[in-house]
Protein backbone atom coordinates (compact mmCIF):
# COMPACT_ATOMS: atom_id res chain seq x y z
CA MET A 1 52.22 -97.27 -74.25
CA SER A 2 55.69 -98.69 -74.64
CA THR A 3 58.37 -98.89 -71.84
CA VAL A 4 59.34 -95.51 -70.45
CA SER A 5 62.97 -94.36 -70.53
CA HIS A 6 64.32 -92.34 -67.65
CA VAL A 7 67.06 -89.77 -67.36
CA ARG A 8 68.27 -87.97 -64.19
CA SER A 9 69.20 -84.34 -64.21
CA SER A 10 72.01 -82.92 -62.18
CA ALA A 11 69.42 -82.02 -59.53
CA ASP A 12 68.76 -85.84 -59.27
CA GLN A 13 65.21 -85.50 -60.50
CA GLU A 14 63.64 -87.93 -62.93
CA VAL A 15 62.15 -86.93 -66.43
CA MET A 16 60.32 -89.65 -68.31
CA LEU A 17 60.20 -90.07 -72.07
CA ASP A 18 58.75 -92.85 -74.01
CA ARG A 19 61.48 -95.17 -75.21
CA ASP A 20 60.15 -95.39 -78.77
CA VAL A 21 59.89 -91.72 -78.98
CA LEU A 22 63.40 -91.23 -77.75
CA ARG A 23 64.73 -93.85 -80.15
CA ALA A 24 63.14 -91.95 -83.06
CA LEU A 25 64.41 -88.62 -81.88
CA THR A 26 68.02 -89.83 -81.48
CA ARG A 27 68.04 -91.47 -84.92
CA PRO A 28 71.33 -90.22 -86.82
CA ALA A 29 70.74 -87.57 -89.53
CA PRO A 30 74.19 -86.93 -90.94
CA TRP A 31 73.06 -85.56 -94.31
CA ARG A 32 70.80 -82.99 -92.42
CA LEU A 33 73.85 -81.79 -90.61
CA LEU A 34 75.93 -81.55 -93.74
CA LEU A 35 73.13 -79.74 -95.59
CA GLN A 36 72.72 -77.23 -92.76
CA THR A 37 76.54 -76.61 -92.73
CA ALA A 38 76.51 -75.94 -96.42
CA LEU A 39 73.41 -73.57 -96.15
CA GLU A 40 75.17 -71.54 -93.46
CA TRP A 41 78.16 -71.06 -95.65
CA VAL A 42 75.97 -70.10 -98.73
CA ALA A 43 74.29 -67.54 -96.54
CA ILE A 44 77.48 -65.93 -95.44
CA ILE A 45 78.87 -65.75 -99.03
CA LEU A 46 75.64 -64.25 -100.36
CA LEU A 47 75.48 -61.67 -97.51
CA ALA A 48 79.17 -60.61 -98.29
CA TRP A 49 78.32 -60.38 -102.01
CA CYS A 50 75.24 -58.34 -101.27
CA ALA A 51 77.16 -55.89 -99.05
CA THR A 52 79.87 -55.44 -101.66
CA ALA A 53 77.38 -55.00 -104.52
CA MET A 54 75.22 -52.49 -102.74
CA ALA A 55 78.15 -50.50 -101.49
CA HIS A 56 75.93 -48.67 -98.88
CA PRO A 57 76.99 -48.21 -95.27
CA LEU A 58 73.63 -49.25 -93.71
CA VAL A 59 73.33 -52.32 -95.99
CA GLY A 60 76.97 -53.31 -95.14
CA LEU A 61 76.21 -52.86 -91.41
CA LEU A 62 73.12 -55.04 -91.64
CA CYS A 63 74.99 -57.69 -93.68
CA ILE A 64 77.86 -57.77 -91.13
CA LEU A 65 75.19 -58.29 -88.35
CA LEU A 66 73.46 -61.11 -90.23
CA ILE A 67 76.97 -62.75 -91.11
CA ALA A 68 77.61 -62.78 -87.27
CA THR A 69 74.29 -64.65 -86.70
CA ARG A 70 75.32 -67.20 -89.34
CA GLN A 71 78.77 -67.48 -87.69
CA HIS A 72 76.94 -68.32 -84.55
CA ALA A 73 75.01 -70.90 -86.52
CA LEU A 74 78.23 -72.57 -87.54
CA LEU A 75 79.41 -72.66 -83.95
CA ALA A 76 76.00 -74.28 -83.05
CA LEU A 77 76.76 -76.87 -85.75
CA MET A 78 80.23 -77.34 -84.43
CA HIS A 79 78.64 -78.24 -81.21
CA GLU A 80 76.66 -80.92 -83.02
CA TYR A 81 79.88 -82.36 -84.52
CA SER A 82 81.26 -82.52 -81.03
CA HIS A 83 78.42 -84.88 -80.09
CA HIS A 84 79.39 -87.12 -83.15
CA GLN A 85 76.07 -86.25 -84.93
CA LEU A 86 77.87 -86.74 -88.32
CA SER A 87 79.23 -90.13 -87.62
CA ARG A 88 79.57 -92.06 -84.36
CA ARG A 89 81.23 -94.94 -86.00
CA ARG A 90 83.91 -92.94 -87.72
CA PRO A 91 84.88 -90.19 -85.13
CA ALA A 92 88.05 -89.13 -87.00
CA PHE A 93 85.90 -88.38 -90.14
CA ASN A 94 83.27 -86.62 -88.01
CA ASP A 95 85.94 -84.43 -86.39
CA LEU A 96 87.71 -83.57 -89.61
CA VAL A 97 84.55 -82.31 -91.36
CA GLY A 98 83.57 -80.43 -88.22
CA ASP A 99 87.04 -78.81 -87.89
CA LEU A 100 87.27 -77.79 -91.59
CA PHE A 101 83.80 -76.08 -91.86
CA THR A 102 82.82 -75.06 -88.27
CA ALA A 103 85.85 -75.00 -85.84
CA PHE A 104 89.08 -74.00 -87.68
CA PRO A 105 87.57 -70.85 -89.22
CA PHE A 106 87.13 -69.63 -85.56
CA PHE A 107 90.72 -70.78 -84.49
CA ILE A 108 89.40 -73.51 -82.37
CA THR A 109 88.93 -77.45 -82.64
CA VAL A 110 86.12 -79.84 -82.19
CA PHE A 111 88.42 -82.09 -80.18
CA GLY A 112 89.16 -79.15 -77.64
CA PHE A 113 85.63 -78.07 -77.51
CA ARG A 114 84.31 -81.57 -76.75
CA ARG A 115 86.81 -82.05 -73.91
CA ASN A 116 85.41 -78.96 -72.25
CA HIS A 117 81.84 -79.67 -73.19
CA GLN A 118 81.70 -83.26 -71.73
CA ALA A 119 82.81 -81.88 -68.31
CA HIS A 120 80.19 -79.11 -68.69
CA HIS A 121 77.50 -81.80 -69.25
CA ARG A 122 78.70 -83.93 -66.45
CA PHE A 123 79.15 -81.22 -63.78
CA THR A 124 76.84 -78.53 -64.88
CA SER A 125 77.16 -75.29 -62.96
CA SER A 126 79.45 -76.85 -60.40
CA ALA A 127 83.05 -76.50 -59.37
CA ASP A 128 84.03 -78.99 -61.89
CA ASP A 129 82.41 -77.32 -64.78
CA PRO A 130 85.17 -75.53 -66.65
CA ASN A 131 82.78 -73.26 -68.52
CA TRP A 132 81.02 -72.25 -65.32
CA MET A 133 84.23 -71.62 -63.37
CA SER A 134 85.61 -69.65 -66.15
CA SER A 135 82.59 -67.46 -66.42
CA LEU A 136 82.41 -66.75 -62.61
CA GLN A 137 85.92 -65.26 -62.79
CA LYS A 138 84.62 -62.57 -65.09
CA GLN A 139 82.67 -59.64 -63.58
CA ARG A 140 80.27 -59.51 -66.43
CA TYR A 141 78.91 -62.92 -65.50
CA ASN A 142 78.32 -62.09 -61.87
CA PHE A 143 74.49 -62.11 -61.49
CA PRO A 144 72.13 -60.73 -60.38
CA MET A 145 72.86 -57.38 -62.11
CA SER A 146 70.69 -54.44 -63.12
CA ARG A 147 69.03 -54.44 -66.56
CA ALA A 148 70.87 -51.22 -67.46
CA ARG A 149 74.27 -52.83 -66.68
CA TYR A 150 73.48 -56.01 -68.48
CA LEU A 151 72.46 -54.11 -71.64
CA TRP A 152 75.59 -52.03 -71.31
CA GLU A 153 77.68 -55.31 -71.24
CA VAL A 154 75.91 -56.44 -74.40
CA ALA A 155 76.78 -53.20 -76.04
CA LYS A 156 80.38 -53.44 -74.99
CA HIS A 157 80.56 -56.95 -76.61
CA CYS A 158 79.10 -55.47 -79.84
CA VAL A 159 81.88 -53.02 -80.17
CA GLY A 160 84.61 -55.64 -79.52
CA PHE A 161 85.51 -54.50 -75.99
CA TYR A 162 86.21 -58.12 -74.84
CA THR A 163 87.26 -59.57 -78.17
CA VAL A 164 91.01 -59.73 -77.57
CA ALA A 165 90.68 -61.31 -74.11
CA GLU A 166 87.98 -63.82 -75.34
CA LEU A 167 90.02 -64.87 -78.37
CA LYS A 168 93.10 -65.34 -76.34
CA SER A 169 91.23 -67.47 -73.82
CA TYR A 170 89.55 -69.73 -76.54
CA THR A 171 92.73 -70.18 -78.66
CA VAL A 172 95.58 -70.16 -76.06
CA ASP A 173 94.71 -70.28 -72.35
CA SER A 174 91.61 -72.42 -71.97
CA GLY A 175 91.18 -76.27 -71.78
CA MET A 176 89.97 -76.03 -75.27
CA ALA A 177 93.48 -74.93 -76.52
CA LEU A 178 95.74 -76.88 -74.26
CA SER A 179 97.27 -80.30 -74.85
CA LEU A 180 95.74 -81.02 -78.15
CA PRO A 181 96.60 -84.20 -79.98
CA ARG A 182 99.46 -83.90 -82.50
CA SER A 183 97.22 -84.72 -85.47
CA VAL A 184 94.79 -82.04 -84.62
CA ARG A 185 97.58 -79.35 -84.30
CA ILE A 186 98.99 -80.32 -87.65
CA ALA A 187 95.59 -80.39 -89.33
CA ARG A 188 94.87 -76.90 -87.95
CA ALA A 189 98.34 -75.56 -89.12
CA VAL A 190 97.87 -76.91 -92.67
CA TYR A 191 94.32 -75.41 -92.80
CA LEU A 192 95.56 -71.98 -91.97
CA LEU A 193 98.52 -72.29 -94.20
CA VAL A 194 96.26 -73.14 -97.16
CA VAL A 195 93.64 -70.55 -96.39
CA VAL A 196 96.25 -67.73 -95.91
CA THR A 197 97.87 -68.82 -99.24
CA ALA A 198 94.45 -68.80 -101.11
CA ILE A 199 93.43 -65.35 -99.73
CA SER A 200 96.90 -63.95 -100.73
CA LEU A 201 96.77 -65.35 -104.20
CA LEU A 202 93.18 -64.09 -104.72
CA GLY A 203 93.77 -60.77 -103.11
CA GLY A 204 90.78 -61.03 -100.81
CA TRP A 205 92.21 -59.85 -97.42
CA TRP A 206 89.95 -56.78 -97.41
CA GLU A 207 86.84 -58.84 -97.76
CA VAL A 208 87.99 -61.41 -95.23
CA LEU A 209 88.69 -58.61 -92.72
CA LEU A 210 85.40 -56.80 -93.42
CA TYR A 211 83.07 -59.79 -93.64
CA TRP A 212 84.65 -62.41 -91.49
CA LEU A 213 86.86 -61.02 -88.81
CA LEU A 214 84.89 -57.93 -88.20
CA PRO A 215 81.58 -59.73 -87.46
CA MET A 216 83.47 -62.41 -85.52
CA SER A 217 85.07 -59.71 -83.30
CA THR A 218 81.91 -57.63 -82.70
CA PHE A 219 78.37 -58.99 -83.07
CA LEU A 220 79.22 -62.54 -82.63
CA MET A 221 80.75 -61.82 -79.27
CA ALA A 222 77.52 -60.15 -78.20
CA ILE A 223 75.39 -63.00 -79.37
CA LEU A 224 77.69 -65.52 -77.54
CA TYR A 225 77.34 -63.48 -74.37
CA VAL A 226 73.59 -63.31 -74.46
CA ARG A 227 73.26 -67.00 -75.33
CA ASP A 228 75.70 -68.00 -72.57
CA VAL A 229 73.74 -65.89 -69.99
CA GLY A 230 70.42 -67.35 -71.06
CA GLU A 231 71.63 -70.96 -70.83
CA HIS A 232 72.76 -71.14 -67.14
CA PHE A 233 72.60 -67.89 -65.19
CA GLY A 234 69.78 -66.46 -63.26
CA VAL A 235 68.29 -70.06 -62.59
CA PRO A 236 67.60 -71.45 -59.18
CA ALA A 237 70.95 -72.33 -57.40
CA PRO A 238 72.66 -75.50 -58.30
CA GLY A 239 71.84 -78.24 -55.98
CA SER A 240 68.65 -76.68 -54.82
CA GLY A 241 66.47 -79.10 -56.78
CA MET A 242 64.46 -76.31 -58.22
CA SER A 243 65.46 -76.56 -61.82
CA ILE A 244 66.05 -79.40 -64.41
CA ALA A 245 69.64 -79.83 -65.27
CA ASN A 246 70.53 -76.47 -63.86
CA SER A 247 69.74 -75.05 -67.29
CA ARG A 248 67.12 -72.68 -68.97
CA THR A 249 65.14 -73.05 -72.14
CA VAL A 250 64.33 -69.77 -73.71
CA MET A 251 61.06 -69.61 -75.67
CA ALA A 252 62.44 -67.36 -78.30
CA GLY A 253 60.43 -65.42 -80.88
CA TRP A 254 61.16 -65.32 -84.69
CA LEU A 255 63.44 -62.17 -84.28
CA GLU A 256 65.44 -63.80 -81.43
CA ARG A 257 65.80 -66.97 -83.27
CA LEU A 258 67.18 -64.99 -86.28
CA LEU A 259 69.56 -62.90 -84.18
CA VAL A 260 70.52 -64.99 -81.03
CA SER A 261 69.41 -68.56 -81.15
CA GLN A 262 70.11 -70.16 -84.40
CA ASN A 263 69.76 -73.94 -85.05
CA GLN A 264 67.51 -74.43 -82.04
CA VAL A 265 70.21 -73.67 -79.38
CA HIS A 266 67.54 -72.04 -77.13
CA PHE A 267 66.21 -75.49 -76.28
CA HIS A 268 69.12 -75.96 -73.79
CA THR A 269 67.59 -77.87 -71.03
CA GLU A 270 66.34 -80.41 -73.61
CA HIS A 271 69.82 -80.80 -74.83
CA HIS A 272 71.36 -81.38 -71.41
CA LEU A 273 68.74 -84.08 -70.76
CA PHE A 274 69.12 -85.84 -74.03
CA PRO A 275 72.32 -84.68 -75.85
CA GLY A 276 72.01 -87.45 -78.43
CA VAL A 277 69.04 -85.69 -80.07
CA PRO A 278 70.11 -83.68 -83.21
CA PHE A 279 69.45 -79.96 -83.21
CA PHE A 280 66.63 -79.89 -85.58
CA ARG A 281 64.50 -82.32 -83.48
CA LEU A 282 64.88 -80.39 -80.22
CA PRO A 283 61.44 -78.60 -80.78
CA ARG A 284 59.73 -82.00 -80.98
CA LEU A 285 61.65 -83.19 -77.78
CA HIS A 286 60.44 -80.19 -75.94
CA ALA A 287 56.84 -80.85 -76.98
CA GLU A 288 57.17 -84.58 -75.76
CA LEU A 289 58.79 -83.54 -72.43
CA MET A 290 55.96 -81.05 -71.89
CA LYS A 291 53.76 -84.12 -71.42
CA ASP A 292 55.70 -84.87 -68.29
CA ALA A 293 54.51 -83.38 -65.07
CA GLN A 294 58.06 -83.31 -63.54
CA TYR A 295 59.34 -81.33 -66.54
CA ARG A 296 56.42 -78.97 -66.68
CA VAL A 297 56.71 -77.76 -63.08
CA ARG A 298 60.62 -77.89 -62.83
CA ALA A 299 62.01 -76.71 -66.10
CA VAL A 300 62.96 -73.15 -66.26
CA LEU A 301 61.10 -71.93 -69.20
CA THR A 302 61.75 -68.23 -70.10
CA ARG A 303 60.00 -66.08 -72.64
CA GLY A 304 62.52 -64.21 -74.58
CA TYR A 305 66.15 -63.18 -74.28
CA PHE A 306 65.07 -59.57 -73.90
CA GLY A 307 61.82 -60.23 -72.17
CA GLU A 308 61.62 -62.37 -69.04
CA LEU A 309 65.34 -63.18 -69.04
CA LEU A 310 65.98 -59.59 -68.12
CA ASN A 311 63.79 -60.01 -65.08
CA GLU A 312 65.31 -63.32 -64.06
CA ILE A 313 69.00 -61.92 -64.15
CA SER A 314 68.18 -58.56 -62.71
CA SER A 315 68.78 -57.22 -59.19
CA GLY A 316 66.25 -54.40 -59.76
CA PRO A 317 62.59 -54.57 -58.94
CA ALA A 318 60.94 -57.29 -61.12
CA PRO A 319 57.49 -58.49 -61.31
CA SER A 320 56.64 -62.11 -60.80
CA VAL A 321 57.36 -64.09 -63.97
CA ARG A 322 55.74 -67.29 -65.10
CA ALA A 323 57.81 -70.44 -65.89
CA GLY A 324 55.06 -72.45 -67.43
CA LYS A 325 51.27 -72.25 -67.27
CA ASP A 326 50.92 -73.63 -63.70
CA VAL A 327 54.11 -72.26 -62.02
CA VAL A 328 54.61 -68.63 -60.83
CA ILE A 329 58.13 -67.63 -59.87
CA CYS A 330 58.80 -64.36 -57.85
CA TRP A 331 62.48 -63.37 -58.28
CA ARG A 332 62.06 -60.56 -55.69
CA THR A 333 61.20 -63.09 -52.94
CA ARG A 334 63.11 -65.94 -54.53
CA THR A 335 60.10 -68.30 -54.38
CA GLU A 336 58.17 -70.60 -56.65
CA THR A 337 54.42 -71.26 -56.29
CA ARG A 338 52.71 -74.10 -58.11
CA TYR A 339 50.53 -77.18 -57.78
CA LEU A 340 52.01 -79.70 -55.58
CA GLN A 341 53.34 -83.11 -57.03
CA PRO A 342 53.95 -86.46 -55.37
CA TYR A 343 57.71 -85.92 -55.35
CA ASP A 344 57.23 -82.86 -53.16
CA VAL A 345 56.29 -85.00 -50.15
CA PRO A 346 59.69 -85.30 -48.51
CA ARG A 347 59.99 -81.48 -48.39
CA LEU A 348 56.31 -81.18 -47.36
CA MET A 349 56.94 -83.52 -44.50
CA GLN A 350 59.82 -81.28 -43.28
CA LEU A 351 57.46 -78.30 -43.25
CA GLU A 352 54.74 -80.27 -41.35
CA HIS A 353 57.13 -81.38 -38.63
CA ALA A 354 58.51 -77.90 -38.39
CA LYS A 355 55.12 -76.28 -37.90
CA TRP A 356 52.95 -78.94 -36.14
CA GLU A 357 53.36 -81.28 -33.18
CA PRO A 358 54.00 -85.00 -33.92
CA ASP A 359 50.41 -85.92 -33.35
CA GLN A 360 49.16 -83.06 -35.53
CA ALA A 361 51.51 -83.42 -38.51
CA ALA A 362 50.28 -85.45 -41.44
CA ASP A 363 52.16 -88.46 -42.60
CA ALA A 364 53.49 -89.00 -46.13
CA GLY A 365 50.48 -91.28 -47.02
CA GLU A 366 47.99 -88.55 -46.00
CA LEU A 367 49.74 -85.94 -48.15
CA LEU A 368 49.95 -88.17 -51.13
CA LYS A 369 46.21 -89.06 -50.76
CA ARG A 370 45.29 -85.31 -50.84
CA ILE A 371 47.42 -84.54 -53.87
CA HIS A 372 46.03 -87.54 -55.79
CA ALA A 373 42.48 -86.74 -54.90
CA PHE A 374 42.57 -82.99 -55.65
CA PRO A 375 45.66 -82.14 -57.78
CA THR A 376 44.42 -78.67 -58.59
CA LEU A 377 43.58 -77.76 -54.99
CA CYS A 378 46.94 -78.52 -53.39
CA ILE A 379 49.41 -75.63 -53.75
CA GLY A 380 52.83 -75.03 -52.36
CA THR A 381 55.47 -72.28 -52.37
CA PHE A 382 59.18 -73.20 -52.37
CA CYS A 383 62.44 -71.34 -51.84
CA LEU A 384 64.36 -71.17 -55.15
CA ASP A 385 67.72 -71.18 -53.26
CA SER A 386 67.35 -73.85 -50.66
CA GLY A 387 64.47 -75.85 -52.22
CA LYS A 388 62.55 -75.83 -48.80
CA ALA A 389 58.83 -75.79 -48.73
CA MET A 390 57.91 -72.33 -47.31
CA ALA A 391 54.08 -72.85 -47.27
CA SER A 392 51.52 -75.34 -48.36
CA LEU A 393 47.79 -75.27 -48.69
CA PHE A 394 45.68 -78.45 -49.07
CA MET A 395 41.95 -77.95 -50.03
CA ARG A 396 38.99 -80.13 -50.83
CA PRO A 397 35.43 -79.41 -52.03
CA VAL A 398 32.94 -79.34 -49.11
CA ALA A 399 29.23 -78.87 -48.47
CA PRO A 400 29.05 -75.92 -46.03
CA ALA A 401 26.26 -77.54 -44.10
CA ILE A 402 28.72 -79.81 -42.40
CA PHE A 403 30.00 -76.88 -40.20
CA SER A 404 26.45 -76.28 -38.74
CA ALA A 405 26.57 -79.54 -36.79
CA PRO A 406 29.34 -80.82 -34.33
CA THR A 407 32.22 -82.05 -36.52
CA ARG A 408 35.95 -82.87 -36.20
CA TRP A 409 38.89 -81.95 -38.47
CA ASP A 410 39.54 -85.41 -39.57
CA VAL A 411 35.94 -85.83 -40.69
CA ALA A 412 35.89 -82.55 -42.63
CA ALA A 413 39.34 -83.40 -44.20
CA ASP A 414 38.67 -86.94 -45.27
CA PRO A 415 37.52 -87.05 -49.00
CA GLU A 416 35.70 -90.37 -48.28
CA ALA A 417 33.75 -89.29 -45.26
CA LEU A 418 31.44 -86.80 -47.04
CA GLN A 419 29.11 -86.81 -50.01
CA PRO A 420 31.09 -86.37 -53.26
CA TRP A 421 31.26 -82.82 -54.21
CA GLU A 422 30.19 -83.45 -57.78
CA GLU A 423 26.90 -84.57 -56.50
CA ALA A 424 26.49 -81.76 -54.04
CA GLY A 425 27.24 -79.14 -56.70
CA THR A 426 29.14 -77.08 -54.22
CA ARG A 427 31.16 -73.96 -54.80
CA SER A 428 32.87 -74.17 -51.41
CA LEU A 429 36.29 -75.40 -50.35
CA PHE A 430 37.75 -76.58 -47.09
CA GLY A 431 41.33 -75.80 -46.18
CA ILE A 432 42.61 -79.23 -44.86
CA SER A 433 45.83 -77.78 -43.86
CA LEU A 434 47.65 -74.43 -44.12
CA SER A 435 51.30 -74.48 -43.06
CA SER A 436 53.89 -71.85 -43.61
CA ARG A 437 57.33 -70.58 -42.55
CA ARG A 438 56.91 -66.98 -44.01
CA ALA A 439 53.79 -64.82 -44.26
CA GLU A 440 54.60 -63.80 -47.82
CA ALA A 441 54.77 -67.43 -48.81
CA VAL A 442 51.00 -67.72 -47.85
CA ASP A 443 50.20 -64.58 -49.86
CA ALA A 444 51.90 -66.08 -52.92
CA ILE A 445 49.65 -69.20 -52.41
CA PHE A 446 46.42 -67.22 -52.29
CA GLY A 447 47.71 -65.01 -55.07
CA PHE A 448 48.38 -67.98 -57.24
CA PHE A 449 44.98 -69.55 -56.42
CA TYR A 450 42.41 -66.78 -56.60
CA GLY A 451 42.60 -66.18 -60.43
CA ARG A 452 42.25 -69.85 -61.07
CA ALA A 453 39.50 -70.07 -58.48
CA LEU A 454 37.47 -67.47 -60.36
CA LYS A 455 37.82 -69.48 -63.56
CA ALA A 456 36.82 -72.82 -61.92
CA GLY A 457 33.75 -71.17 -60.13
CA TRP A 458 34.96 -71.48 -56.42
CA GLN A 459 33.34 -68.80 -54.27
CA GLU A 460 34.41 -69.36 -50.73
CA ILE A 461 37.08 -71.09 -48.52
CA PHE A 462 36.50 -72.47 -45.08
CA LEU A 463 39.54 -72.97 -42.71
CA GLY A 464 39.66 -74.72 -39.30
CA SER A 465 41.85 -72.67 -36.93
CA PRO A 466 43.25 -73.29 -33.53
CA ILE A 467 42.96 -70.72 -30.84
CA PRO A 468 46.39 -70.99 -29.22
CA GLY A 469 45.77 -68.21 -26.75
CA PHE A 470 42.67 -69.74 -25.11
CA ALA A 471 44.34 -72.07 -22.59
CA LYS A 472 46.34 -69.16 -21.03
CA ALA A 473 43.33 -66.88 -21.00
CA ARG A 474 41.28 -69.58 -19.34
CA ASP A 475 43.95 -69.98 -16.67
CA LYS A 476 43.48 -66.30 -15.84
CA ASP A 477 39.71 -66.33 -15.95
CA ARG A 478 38.16 -69.69 -15.22
CA GLN A 479 34.68 -68.27 -16.22
CA LEU A 480 35.91 -67.25 -19.66
CA SER A 481 33.81 -69.11 -22.30
CA VAL A 482 35.25 -70.10 -25.62
CA TRP A 483 32.61 -68.15 -27.44
CA ARG A 484 33.60 -64.91 -25.58
CA TYR A 485 37.25 -65.47 -26.19
CA VAL A 486 36.84 -66.19 -29.93
CA HIS A 487 34.96 -62.95 -30.33
CA ALA A 488 37.21 -60.77 -28.22
CA ARG A 489 39.02 -57.88 -29.83
CA ARG A 490 42.17 -56.11 -29.28
CA LEU A 491 42.12 -52.97 -27.14
CA ARG A 492 43.86 -50.74 -29.74
CA HIS A 493 42.69 -52.54 -32.83
CA LEU A 494 38.97 -53.20 -32.18
CA ASP A 495 38.43 -54.75 -35.62
CA GLU A 496 41.04 -57.56 -35.04
CA PRO A 497 40.61 -60.66 -32.98
CA LEU A 498 42.39 -60.98 -29.72
CA ASP A 499 43.78 -64.53 -30.36
CA PRO A 500 46.97 -64.36 -32.48
CA GLN A 501 46.07 -67.20 -34.88
CA LEU A 502 42.57 -65.77 -35.58
CA ARG A 503 44.23 -62.48 -36.01
CA TYR A 504 46.60 -63.85 -38.62
CA TYR A 505 43.80 -65.35 -40.77
CA PHE A 506 41.79 -62.18 -40.29
CA ARG A 507 44.59 -60.23 -42.09
CA LYS A 508 44.57 -62.84 -44.85
CA GLY A 509 40.73 -62.17 -45.46
CA PHE A 510 39.14 -64.96 -43.27
CA ARG A 511 36.98 -62.61 -41.13
CA GLN A 512 33.67 -64.50 -40.62
CA ILE A 513 33.56 -66.89 -37.74
CA VAL A 514 31.12 -69.69 -38.75
CA SER A 515 31.19 -72.16 -35.86
CA ILE A 516 33.21 -73.32 -32.84
CA HIS A 517 33.79 -77.00 -32.23
CA PRO A 518 35.07 -78.91 -29.15
CA ASP A 519 37.36 -81.79 -29.61
CA TYR A 520 38.00 -80.50 -33.10
CA PHE A 521 41.70 -81.68 -33.20
CA PRO A 522 44.37 -82.29 -30.58
CA HIS A 523 45.82 -79.00 -29.54
CA PRO A 524 46.53 -78.32 -25.92
CA ALA A 525 47.02 -74.55 -26.27
CA SER A 526 43.48 -74.46 -27.69
CA LEU A 527 42.06 -76.80 -25.23
CA ASP A 528 41.26 -78.98 -28.43
CA TYR A 529 38.86 -76.24 -29.73
CA GLY A 530 38.71 -75.45 -33.31
CA VAL A 531 37.14 -72.36 -35.03
CA ILE A 532 35.78 -72.60 -38.57
CA LEU A 533 36.46 -69.40 -40.54
CA ARG A 534 35.13 -68.30 -43.78
CA GLY A 535 36.95 -66.36 -46.60
CA ARG A 536 35.28 -65.28 -49.86
CA VAL A 537 37.12 -65.55 -53.16
CA PRO A 538 37.10 -61.86 -54.21
CA LEU A 539 34.46 -61.01 -56.90
CA ALA A 540 33.51 -64.69 -57.24
CA HIS A 541 29.78 -63.70 -57.60
CA LEU A 542 30.77 -62.53 -61.12
CA HIS A 543 31.57 -66.06 -62.28
CA TRP A 544 29.61 -65.54 -65.47
CA LEU A 545 31.96 -62.75 -66.38
CA TRP A 546 35.23 -64.66 -65.42
CA LEU A 547 34.21 -67.54 -67.78
CA ARG A 548 34.79 -65.13 -70.62
CA VAL A 549 38.07 -63.58 -69.49
CA PRO A 550 41.31 -65.21 -70.44
CA GLU A 551 42.87 -67.12 -67.60
CA THR A 552 46.24 -65.27 -68.15
CA LEU A 553 44.57 -62.01 -67.37
CA LEU A 554 42.86 -63.37 -64.20
CA ASN A 555 46.29 -64.65 -62.96
CA ARG A 556 47.86 -61.31 -63.63
CA MET A 557 45.11 -59.75 -61.36
CA ALA A 558 46.46 -61.88 -58.37
CA GLY A 559 48.06 -58.99 -56.51
CA TRP A 560 45.06 -56.72 -56.74
CA MET A 561 42.79 -59.52 -55.60
CA MET A 562 44.94 -60.19 -52.61
CA ARG A 563 44.53 -56.59 -51.51
CA LEU A 564 40.82 -56.70 -52.18
CA ALA A 565 40.44 -59.88 -50.02
CA ALA A 566 42.38 -58.31 -47.08
């Protein structure tokens, strides 16, 4: 393996890519850009000819829509010229070609776009990002909003409701239009003069109005709006550390690629990370980045502009949506649940010290040891807005017989202190540590895990629980035994334990008391006692069936399984 290249996103997170792969991906391909530019213009001319030849209203409307998609494709290529993809050694030539064929026809310039776009790359979704700040001043970019309202805004763009304001902004008011170099202004003026003269001499004003200005003023505006929303809105808050480059990649289907995301613009996170990669290599870049664990769990990967994106930008009730195979995001509670990674340790340490006493909290080395030893048995839930760890669960395989004899927490939790589980053939797990700030974060962890546990064959989970009410109860009754206290029930809820911690686990499905151990771990409120609880993975006895059920279906059963467990 060759030396690894690094890039840091705006969230100050590291994504790694092989240097040789990056060198191949960023290799200049000017002829490919020129060819694509020519093909877009050929498509526009053929569509206009088809609409004229057929002379049918529905055919004409369809051609106008498709022309708008090719106009958007030209703007995507203009973006490529702004990154000097035609020629980095001859920037004037690069900009001239880009202006003539992709920018001037829309009354903008490559130079002006580049000036704004560089700031957008450098300060993505911050106060210094001109694109972001301009959008926030418009009500239609204030998210979350309901699905119905968002679709209504798309329809308003389709009929040209915002066209005059948008064109005025692009061509007169915004940073793209102000303080342009004299040479650029002269070139644009000459271009317009030549085009106007040619159209007048050829008598083609009606065709230009119908097959250029009309699609640009209607469907193109809607496409730009949908694409803009998909790139940066409805993602975890900037600075939270919960997304890569504060951007989104939309996994678009063929119809969406035809109508919304021409020339691979839906791979937007990839472009922000490596802007030197030409548009047609972005799918390969995405495939390479998916090999990196940091990217897989942090990148916001959304399925469809009119699928999961609607959930992610909506203020209405939305189901949990998945961002990658091993990440579940719930936009209702603004949380992300996934397998833990080594870079999570600083935030996990904050959770440890917030929930445990100094002599009880694990240190960074212990957390790393657990994650490296059992990567698919360490799960965390994080707040999308603040980035804080809301809950964590560390587990390890264990032979249940260990709890039939006196034991301590450190012995049960140490992977090196017991016989390897592969040799024991166990289907049991021990919860080394369960910490949480919010009860629903724990529910999210078990909801995330149960479907995966069925597939892996795990049948039961053991937890070691303190009994924090025991010391106070013993002060009131010196004759009170630990066994009697642990099995005591509440007066009005006879099925629930008297101890608050046991009652909490009881409601999560851990209802069987396996054993009680003195000197289990230091916990004065429990007089150092620990209680081993057992919870069953719902329907785990049907392991033969779950092996034949797709994992995606099992994961969707998470909510139902949580209710069954409780």
